[in-house]
Amino acid sequence: MIIIRKRTYARAGLLGNPSDGYNGKTISVIVRNFWAEVVLYEWDSVDIVLTEHDRARFRSVFDLANDVKLHGYYGGIRLVKATIKRFVEYCQERGHELHDNKFSVRYQSNIPRQVGLAGSSAIIIATLRCLMEFYAIEIPLEAQPTFALAVEMEELGISAGLQDRVIQCYEGAVFMNFDRSCERMVEGLTCYSYEPLNPDQLPPLYIAYHDALSEPTELFHDDIRGRFNRGDKQIVEAMKQFAQLAAQGREALLNRDEKRLGRLIDENFDTRRGIYTLPTWQIQMVETARRCGATAKFAGSGGAIIGTYQDGAMFQELQTKLAEIGSRSIEVQVRP
């Protein structure tokens, strides 16, 4: 029996987000501490197995209401189904023949949900990797992020950007330039400039998250897209600033200038705070980390923060102080 097992890791935006959805620039890192794993094996029918994240049974109506409040209405089944559908259409459009063998597929994930660590796209990409191996069809690496984004945006109507999918496909650390001048087509999919960076040039990084106060990414605050499309000067300039921070961060990493990188990380959050209405508890996480001497910004859309720290003593203080406000802290593992 053929058994295929693929793992895709969480990710964190180090600099530049949220400009990836606005033709900006970003630096992201993979977070190997958390992952989504998909297992696909031959079966007598096409079977998608429910997991604990696809809850349909609750202790009470209050348990149901609380689960939706924390995690939204959706589990991973829709992500797997949408990926399979899109893969079949991709192959049909390009004349790739698919064999008749059937399969069962199941997923599991330990990525904290709804805190901006890209748990949904991890399931999609892990599923895609299984399908490519099962059918012996390879989508070019630089096109895979665009495929994954189309699954979420076009199949499921989830607002998202390319950043998460790029770093989860490439892994390590990547500088991404989404300027229109970098745009090109690969097998009919729009791609941009993706530059892998040396993970050994990264300073020590931490992530802290507060999963008890999470919320779905698609519910994130403020009409930033609408304001950007209307040419709102504050939003347009902020997106340019995010992009400049990422470009400067690339230089800082190449020069191993940790202090400059830290200042840029802090400025990234301060710029974001100037255009978004942020929940008090998310601001508290950043301010608590900064009082410990660490740098801090959102790792994604909110719910988790990322930053640099100096040494083990500072990380221990971070863990203690952030735990006091209900947040968990980890040292980021980027390298295998």
Protein backbone atom coordinates (compact mmCIF):
# COMPACT_ATOMS: atom_id res chain seq x y z
CA MET A 1 0.00 0.00 0.00
CA ILE A 2 1.28 3.48 -0.88
CA ILE A 3 1.40 5.77 2.15
CA ILE A 4 2.40 9.41 1.67
CA ARG A 5 3.04 11.68 4.63
CA LYS A 6 3.76 15.41 4.21
CA ARG A 7 4.33 18.06 6.85
CA THR A 8 4.06 21.84 6.44
CA TYR A 9 5.19 24.17 9.19
CA ALA A 10 3.76 27.30 10.75
CA ARG A 11 5.23 30.61 9.71
CA ALA A 12 5.77 34.12 11.08
CA GLY A 13 6.11 37.42 9.29
CA LEU A 14 9.35 39.01 10.48
CA LEU A 15 9.09 42.31 8.61
CA GLY A 16 6.90 44.06 6.07
CA ASN A 17 3.52 42.49 6.77
CA PRO A 18 0.77 43.29 5.97
CA SER A 19 2.15 44.85 2.77
CA ASP A 20 2.32 41.49 0.96
CA GLY A 21 -1.31 41.98 -0.06
CA TYR A 22 -0.55 45.47 -1.34
CA ASN A 23 2.40 44.93 -3.73
CA GLY A 24 4.86 45.43 -0.89
CA LYS A 25 7.83 43.51 0.46
CA THR A 26 8.15 41.11 3.39
CA ILE A 27 10.56 38.83 5.22
CA SER A 28 9.11 35.66 6.71
CA VAL A 29 10.52 32.71 8.60
CA ILE A 30 9.30 29.15 8.98
CA VAL A 31 8.37 28.06 12.51
CA ARG A 32 9.24 24.39 12.79
CA ASN A 33 7.88 24.21 16.34
CA PHE A 34 4.38 23.72 14.89
CA TRP A 35 3.12 21.87 11.84
CA ALA A 36 0.20 20.43 9.93
CA GLU A 37 0.60 16.89 8.67
CA VAL A 38 -1.42 15.21 5.93
CA VAL A 39 -1.37 11.47 5.34
CA LEU A 40 -2.67 10.03 2.06
CA TYR A 41 -2.90 6.30 1.31
CA GLU A 42 -4.56 4.09 -1.27
CA TRP A 43 -8.18 3.24 -0.51
CA ASP A 44 -11.24 1.83 -2.25
CA SER A 45 -12.92 5.25 -2.41
CA VAL A 46 -11.93 8.90 -2.08
CA ASP A 47 -12.33 9.39 1.64
CA ILE A 48 -11.57 12.48 3.76
CA VAL A 49 -11.35 11.58 7.45
CA LEU A 50 -12.78 13.93 10.07
CA THR A 51 -10.46 15.04 12.87
CA GLU A 52 -10.98 16.58 16.29
CA HIS A 53 -10.77 20.04 14.69
CA ASP A 54 -13.89 19.31 12.62
CA ARG A 55 -16.20 19.20 15.61
CA ALA A 56 -19.85 18.35 15.13
CA ARG A 57 -20.61 17.20 18.68
CA PHE A 58 -20.62 19.49 21.73
CA ARG A 59 -21.35 19.17 25.44
CA SER A 60 -23.91 21.99 25.30
CA VAL A 61 -25.06 24.94 23.21
CA PHE A 62 -22.67 27.07 25.26
CA ASP A 63 -19.77 24.78 24.34
CA LEU A 64 -20.73 25.14 20.67
CA ALA A 65 -20.99 28.93 20.94
CA ASN A 66 -17.62 29.17 22.68
CA ASP A 67 -15.95 26.93 20.09
CA VAL A 68 -17.22 29.14 17.25
CA LYS A 69 -16.14 32.28 19.10
CA LEU A 70 -12.59 30.97 19.50
CA HIS A 71 -12.10 29.08 16.25
CA GLY A 72 -14.70 30.24 13.74
CA TYR A 73 -17.13 28.03 11.88
CA TYR A 74 -14.63 26.10 9.84
CA GLY A 75 -12.39 23.10 10.36
CA GLY A 76 -9.85 21.64 7.95
CA ILE A 77 -12.14 19.47 5.84
CA ARG A 78 -13.10 22.37 3.56
CA LEU A 79 -9.39 23.12 3.02
CA VAL A 80 -8.61 19.54 1.97
CA LYS A 81 -11.65 19.32 -0.32
CA ALA A 82 -10.93 22.67 -1.95
CA THR A 83 -7.27 21.70 -2.54
CA ILE A 84 -8.25 18.43 -4.20
CA LYS A 85 -10.82 20.17 -6.42
CA ARG A 86 -8.35 22.86 -7.46
CA PHE A 87 -5.62 20.29 -8.15
CA VAL A 88 -7.92 18.27 -10.42
CA GLU A 89 -8.85 21.41 -12.36
CA TYR A 90 -5.20 22.49 -12.59
CA CYS A 91 -4.27 19.13 -14.12
CA GLN A 92 -7.24 19.06 -16.50
CA GLU A 93 -6.48 22.56 -17.79
CA ARG A 94 -2.88 21.56 -18.57
CA GLY A 95 -3.59 18.14 -20.04
CA HIS A 96 -2.09 16.14 -17.16
CA GLU A 97 -3.75 12.73 -16.97
CA LEU A 98 -4.65 11.50 -13.50
CA HIS A 99 -4.63 7.76 -12.82
CA ASP A 100 -7.72 6.04 -11.46
CA ASN A 101 -6.39 5.00 -8.05
CA LYS A 102 -8.39 6.25 -5.09
CA PHE A 103 -7.18 7.38 -1.69
CA SER A 104 -8.07 8.21 1.87
CA VAL A 105 -6.67 11.40 3.31
CA ARG A 106 -6.51 12.68 6.85
CA TYR A 107 -4.82 15.61 8.51
CA GLN A 108 -3.69 16.65 11.95
CA SER A 109 -2.28 19.95 13.15
CA ASN A 110 -0.70 21.32 16.30
CA ILE A 111 -0.49 24.88 14.94
CA PRO A 112 -2.31 27.16 17.39
CA ARG A 113 -5.56 28.12 15.73
CA GLN A 114 -6.60 31.62 14.71
CA VAL A 115 -3.52 33.42 16.03
CA GLY A 116 -1.96 34.33 12.69
CA LEU A 117 0.55 31.45 12.32
CA ALA A 118 -0.92 30.25 9.00
CA GLY A 119 -2.52 27.00 10.10
CA SER A 120 -5.02 26.93 7.22
CA SER A 121 -2.46 27.33 4.45
CA ALA A 122 -0.27 24.69 6.12
CA ILE A 123 -3.05 22.13 5.65
CA ILE A 124 -3.52 23.18 2.03
CA ILE A 125 0.17 22.94 1.15
CA ALA A 126 0.63 19.61 2.93
CA THR A 127 -2.37 18.27 1.00
CA LEU A 128 -0.96 19.62 -2.26
CA ARG A 129 2.38 17.92 -1.62
CA CYS A 130 0.61 14.60 -1.05
CA LEU A 131 -1.39 14.97 -4.27
CA MET A 132 1.69 15.85 -6.34
CA GLU A 133 3.49 12.73 -5.13
CA PHE A 134 0.44 10.45 -5.45
CA TYR A 135 -0.16 11.48 -9.06
CA ALA A 136 3.52 12.12 -9.95
CA ILE A 137 2.72 15.66 -11.08
CA GLU A 138 4.99 18.49 -9.99
CA ILE A 139 3.77 22.09 -9.83
CA PRO A 140 6.83 24.39 -10.01
CA LEU A 141 7.90 25.54 -6.55
CA GLU A 142 7.51 29.24 -7.31
CA ALA A 143 3.95 28.61 -8.54
CA GLN A 144 2.84 26.53 -5.54
CA PRO A 145 2.19 29.58 -3.27
CA THR A 146 -0.13 31.09 -5.89
CA PHE A 147 -1.96 27.77 -6.24
CA ALA A 148 -2.44 27.61 -2.47
CA LEU A 149 -3.65 31.21 -2.33
CA ALA A 150 -6.21 30.51 -5.05
CA VAL A 151 -7.59 27.64 -2.98
CA GLU A 152 -8.34 30.00 -0.10
CA MET A 153 -9.40 33.11 -2.00
CA GLU A 154 -11.19 31.73 -5.05
CA GLU A 155 -12.55 28.46 -3.70
CA LEU A 156 -13.34 29.49 -0.13
CA GLY A 157 -13.57 33.28 -0.20
CA ILE A 158 -10.91 33.79 2.49
CA SER A 159 -8.98 37.05 2.29
CA ALA A 160 -5.26 36.33 2.31
CA GLY A 161 -1.89 37.26 0.81
CA LEU A 162 0.94 35.31 -0.77
CA GLN A 163 3.43 35.73 2.06
CA ASP A 164 2.30 32.77 4.18
CA ARG A 165 2.23 30.38 1.25
CA VAL A 166 5.64 31.45 -0.07
CA ILE A 167 7.49 30.80 3.18
CA GLN A 168 5.62 27.54 3.80
CA CYS A 169 6.59 26.27 0.34
CA TYR A 170 10.21 27.47 0.43
CA GLU A 171 10.82 27.14 4.22
CA GLY A 172 13.82 28.70 6.00
CA ALA A 173 13.76 32.50 5.68
CA VAL A 174 12.66 34.35 2.54
CA PHE A 175 12.65 37.97 1.35
CA MET A 176 9.67 38.54 -0.94
CA ASN A 177 9.14 41.41 -3.35
CA PHE A 178 5.55 41.74 -4.53
CA ASP A 179 6.07 44.88 -6.59
CA ARG A 180 4.27 44.72 -9.93
CA SER A 181 7.62 45.08 -11.70
CA CYS A 182 8.52 41.61 -10.34
CA GLU A 183 5.33 39.98 -11.56
CA ARG A 184 5.63 37.05 -13.96
CA MET A 185 3.60 34.03 -15.02
CA VAL A 186 4.61 30.44 -14.33
CA GLU A 187 2.25 27.83 -15.83
CA GLY A 188 -0.52 30.40 -15.87
CA LEU A 189 -0.03 31.38 -12.21
CA THR A 190 1.15 34.83 -11.15
CA CYS A 191 4.46 34.78 -9.25
CA TYR A 192 6.81 37.41 -7.84
CA SER A 193 10.42 37.60 -6.63
CA TYR A 194 11.29 35.21 -3.78
CA GLU A 195 14.83 35.32 -2.38
CA PRO A 196 15.84 32.67 0.16
CA LEU A 197 17.97 34.08 3.00
CA ASN A 198 20.49 32.25 5.15
CA PRO A 199 18.75 31.21 8.41
CA ASP A 200 22.17 31.29 10.14
CA GLN A 201 22.07 35.08 9.83
CA LEU A 202 18.96 35.31 12.00
CA PRO A 203 19.29 36.44 15.61
CA PRO A 204 17.46 34.51 18.35
CA LEU A 205 13.71 34.80 17.76
CA TYR A 206 10.73 34.12 20.01
CA ILE A 207 7.01 33.82 19.39
CA ALA A 208 4.32 34.43 21.96
CA TYR A 209 0.63 33.74 21.43
CA HIS A 210 -2.62 33.89 23.37
CA ASP A 211 -4.89 31.20 21.92
CA ALA A 212 -7.63 31.74 24.49
CA LEU A 213 -8.33 35.14 22.91
CA SER A 214 -7.88 34.22 19.26
CA GLU A 215 -10.11 35.11 16.33
CA PRO A 216 -10.36 34.01 12.68
CA THR A 217 -8.05 35.83 10.28
CA GLU A 218 -10.94 36.67 7.97
CA LEU A 219 -12.50 38.66 10.82
CA PHE A 220 -9.48 40.91 11.26
CA HIS A 221 -10.16 44.58 11.87
CA ASP A 222 -10.70 47.69 9.73
CA ASP A 223 -11.44 48.42 6.10
CA ILE A 224 -7.77 48.66 5.14
CA ARG A 225 -8.32 47.15 1.69
CA GLY A 226 -11.15 49.51 0.88
CA ARG A 227 -9.20 52.51 2.07
CA PHE A 228 -6.16 51.42 0.06
CA ASN A 229 -8.23 50.95 -3.10
CA ARG A 230 -9.75 54.40 -2.60
CA GLY A 231 -6.26 55.90 -2.44
CA ASP A 232 -6.37 56.84 1.25
CA LYS A 233 -3.00 58.58 1.68
CA GLN A 234 -2.41 57.28 5.22
CA ILE A 235 -2.89 53.65 4.16
CA VAL A 236 -0.95 53.95 0.90
CA GLU A 237 2.01 55.54 2.69
CA ALA A 238 1.89 52.96 5.48
CA MET A 239 2.10 50.11 2.96
CA LYS A 240 5.11 51.79 1.33
CA GLN A 241 6.69 52.10 4.76
CA PHE A 242 6.13 48.41 5.55
CA ALA A 243 7.85 47.51 2.27
CA GLN A 244 10.81 49.77 3.05
CA LEU A 245 11.18 48.17 6.47
CA ALA A 246 11.44 44.72 4.87
CA ALA A 247 14.03 45.93 2.36
CA GLN A 248 16.06 47.50 5.15
CA GLY A 249 15.66 44.33 7.20
CA ARG A 250 17.17 42.30 4.37
CA GLU A 251 20.22 44.57 4.46
CA ALA A 252 20.43 44.27 8.25
CA LEU A 253 20.34 40.46 8.03
CA LEU A 254 22.99 40.34 5.33
CA ASN A 255 25.19 42.62 7.45
CA ARG A 256 24.35 40.74 10.68
CA ASP A 257 23.18 44.01 12.22
CA GLU A 258 20.91 42.66 14.96
CA LYS A 259 20.30 46.05 16.61
CA ARG A 260 19.08 47.60 13.38
CA LEU A 261 16.88 44.58 12.69
CA GLY A 262 15.35 44.93 16.14
CA ARG A 263 14.58 48.61 15.59
CA LEU A 264 12.89 47.79 12.30
CA ILE A 265 10.75 45.10 13.95
CA ASP A 266 9.54 47.59 16.54
CA GLU A 267 8.86 50.21 13.87
CA ASN A 268 6.82 47.66 11.91
CA PHE A 269 4.42 47.27 14.82
CA ASP A 270 4.28 50.99 15.56
CA THR A 271 3.36 51.68 11.93
CA ARG A 272 0.66 49.04 12.04
CA ARG A 273 -0.73 50.42 15.26
CA GLY A 274 -1.13 53.77 13.52
CA ILE A 275 -3.60 52.43 10.93
CA TYR A 276 -5.40 49.55 12.63
CA THR A 277 -7.75 49.43 15.60
CA LEU A 278 -6.02 46.77 17.68
CA PRO A 279 -7.47 44.80 20.60
CA THR A 280 -6.06 45.86 23.98
CA TRP A 281 -4.81 42.35 24.81
CA GLN A 282 -2.74 42.23 21.61
CA ILE A 283 -1.12 45.58 22.36
CA GLN A 284 -0.44 44.34 25.90
CA MET A 285 1.55 41.39 24.55
CA VAL A 286 3.82 43.68 22.54
CA GLU A 287 4.31 46.16 25.36
CA THR A 288 5.04 43.40 27.88
CA ALA A 289 7.72 41.92 25.62
CA ARG A 290 9.30 45.31 25.05
CA ARG A 291 9.50 46.00 28.78
CA CYS A 292 11.64 42.85 29.01
CA GLY A 293 14.07 44.37 26.50
CA ALA A 294 12.87 42.31 23.54
CA THR A 295 11.56 43.62 20.24
CA ALA A 296 8.01 42.77 19.17
CA LYS A 297 5.55 42.92 16.31
CA PHE A 298 2.63 40.84 15.06
CA ALA A 299 3.62 37.52 13.50
CA GLY A 300 0.58 37.69 11.24
CA SER A 301 -2.88 39.15 11.51
CA GLY A 302 -2.85 39.24 15.30
CA GLY A 303 -2.95 36.86 18.24
CA ALA A 304 0.76 36.03 18.05
CA ILE A 305 3.83 38.24 18.22
CA ILE A 306 7.42 37.69 17.10
CA GLY A 307 10.61 39.48 17.99
CA THR A 308 14.27 39.25 18.87
CA TYR A 309 15.84 38.75 22.29
CA GLN A 310 19.41 38.89 23.53
CA ASP A 311 20.04 35.77 25.60
CA GLY A 312 18.57 32.98 27.69
CA ALA A 313 18.03 35.21 30.69
CA MET A 314 15.92 37.62 28.66
CA PHE A 315 13.91 34.77 27.18
CA GLN A 316 13.19 33.41 30.65
CA GLU A 317 11.92 36.83 31.71
CA LEU A 318 9.82 36.99 28.55
CA GLN A 319 8.26 33.63 29.34
CA THR A 320 7.47 34.67 32.90
CA LYS A 321 6.04 38.10 32.16
CA LEU A 322 4.01 36.99 29.16
CA ALA A 323 2.65 34.00 31.09
CA GLU A 324 1.33 36.45 33.66
CA ILE A 325 -0.97 37.91 31.01
CA GLY A 326 -1.98 34.49 29.66
CA SER A 327 0.46 34.17 26.76
CA ARG A 328 2.72 31.25 25.87
CA SER A 329 6.25 31.86 24.59
CA ILE A 330 8.54 29.66 22.51
CA GLU A 331 12.00 29.98 20.98
CA VAL A 332 11.54 29.86 17.21
CA GLN A 333 13.11 26.90 15.44
CA VAL A 334 13.82 27.89 11.82
CA ARG A 335 16.51 25.34 10.95
CA PRO A 336 15.79 21.62 10.62
